[in-house]
Amino acid sequence: MNSELQFWRAMAGYALARARAQRSRRGRTQLGASSLEWAIISAILVAAALAVGLIVRRVVDKRSGAD
């Protein structure tokens, strides 16, 4: 077996071992919690964007006299 093939086999083995270790460290409950955290953060950001949009619209309507 040539050295290049040995290198790529070793790299593939290392990648698979890292993936298995990562999966074993993070159980499915942590993945679910992470998804929930992202959903909550996204909801907060959407609410903040809507609030800023409403405030800007009120200011623009007030300044233009289109009350």
Protein backbone atom coordinates (compact mmCIF):
# COMPACT_ATOMS: atom_id res chain seq x y z
CA MET A 1 0.00 0.00 0.00
CA ASN A 2 1.48 3.35 -0.97
CA SER A 3 1.95 6.16 1.52
CA GLU A 4 -0.72 8.41 -0.01
CA LEU A 5 -3.39 5.73 0.35
CA GLN A 6 -2.30 5.10 3.93
CA PHE A 7 -2.58 8.80 4.65
CA TRP A 8 -6.13 9.03 3.30
CA ARG A 9 -7.20 5.87 5.16
CA ALA A 10 -5.84 7.37 8.38
CA MET A 11 -7.62 10.67 7.75
CA ALA A 12 -10.94 8.89 7.06
CA GLY A 13 -10.54 6.82 10.22
CA TYR A 14 -9.78 9.93 12.24
CA ALA A 15 -12.83 11.75 10.85
CA LEU A 16 -15.11 8.82 11.66
CA ALA A 17 -13.70 8.51 15.17
CA ARG A 18 -14.22 12.24 15.77
CA ALA A 19 -17.80 12.04 14.52
CA ARG A 20 -18.55 9.09 16.82
CA ALA A 21 -16.99 10.86 19.79
CA GLN A 22 -18.94 14.03 19.09
CA ARG A 23 -22.21 12.10 18.86
CA SER A 24 -21.54 10.26 22.10
CA ARG A 25 -20.70 13.50 23.92
CA ARG A 26 -23.85 15.27 22.79
CA GLY A 27 -26.90 13.18 23.42
CA ARG A 28 -30.16 13.71 21.61
CA THR A 29 -31.52 15.68 24.56
CA GLN A 30 -28.81 18.29 24.13
CA LEU A 31 -29.50 18.54 20.42
CA GLY A 32 -33.19 19.11 21.17
CA ALA A 33 -32.34 21.72 23.77
CA SER A 34 -30.07 23.47 21.30
CA SER A 35 -32.87 23.58 18.73
CA LEU A 36 -35.25 24.97 21.32
CA GLU A 37 -32.75 27.65 22.29
CA TRP A 38 -32.36 28.71 18.65
CA ALA A 39 -36.15 28.83 18.23
CA ILE A 40 -36.50 31.06 21.30
CA ILE A 41 -33.69 33.36 20.16
CA SER A 42 -35.26 33.60 16.70
CA ALA A 43 -38.67 34.43 18.15
CA ILE A 44 -37.16 37.18 20.31
CA LEU A 45 -35.33 38.66 17.30
CA VAL A 46 -38.49 38.60 15.17
CA ALA A 47 -40.48 40.30 17.95
CA ALA A 48 -37.77 42.96 18.32
CA ALA A 49 -37.72 43.59 14.56
CA LEU A 50 -41.50 43.97 14.49
CA ALA A 51 -41.39 46.38 17.43
CA VAL A 52 -38.72 48.51 15.76
CA GLY A 53 -40.70 48.47 12.51
CA LEU A 54 -43.86 49.65 14.26
CA ILE A 55 -42.00 52.44 16.04
CA VAL A 56 -40.39 53.61 12.81
CA ARG A 57 -43.75 53.53 11.03
CA ARG A 58 -45.39 55.62 13.78
CA VAL A 59 -42.59 58.18 13.64
CA VAL A 60 -42.78 58.41 9.84
CA ASP A 61 -46.59 58.74 9.90
CA LYS A 62 -46.39 61.40 12.63
CA ARG A 63 -43.75 63.41 10.74
CA SER A 64 -45.61 63.20 7.45
CA GLY A 65 -48.90 64.27 9.02
CA ALA A 66 -50.74 61.21 7.76
CA ASP A 67 -52.08 60.40 11.21
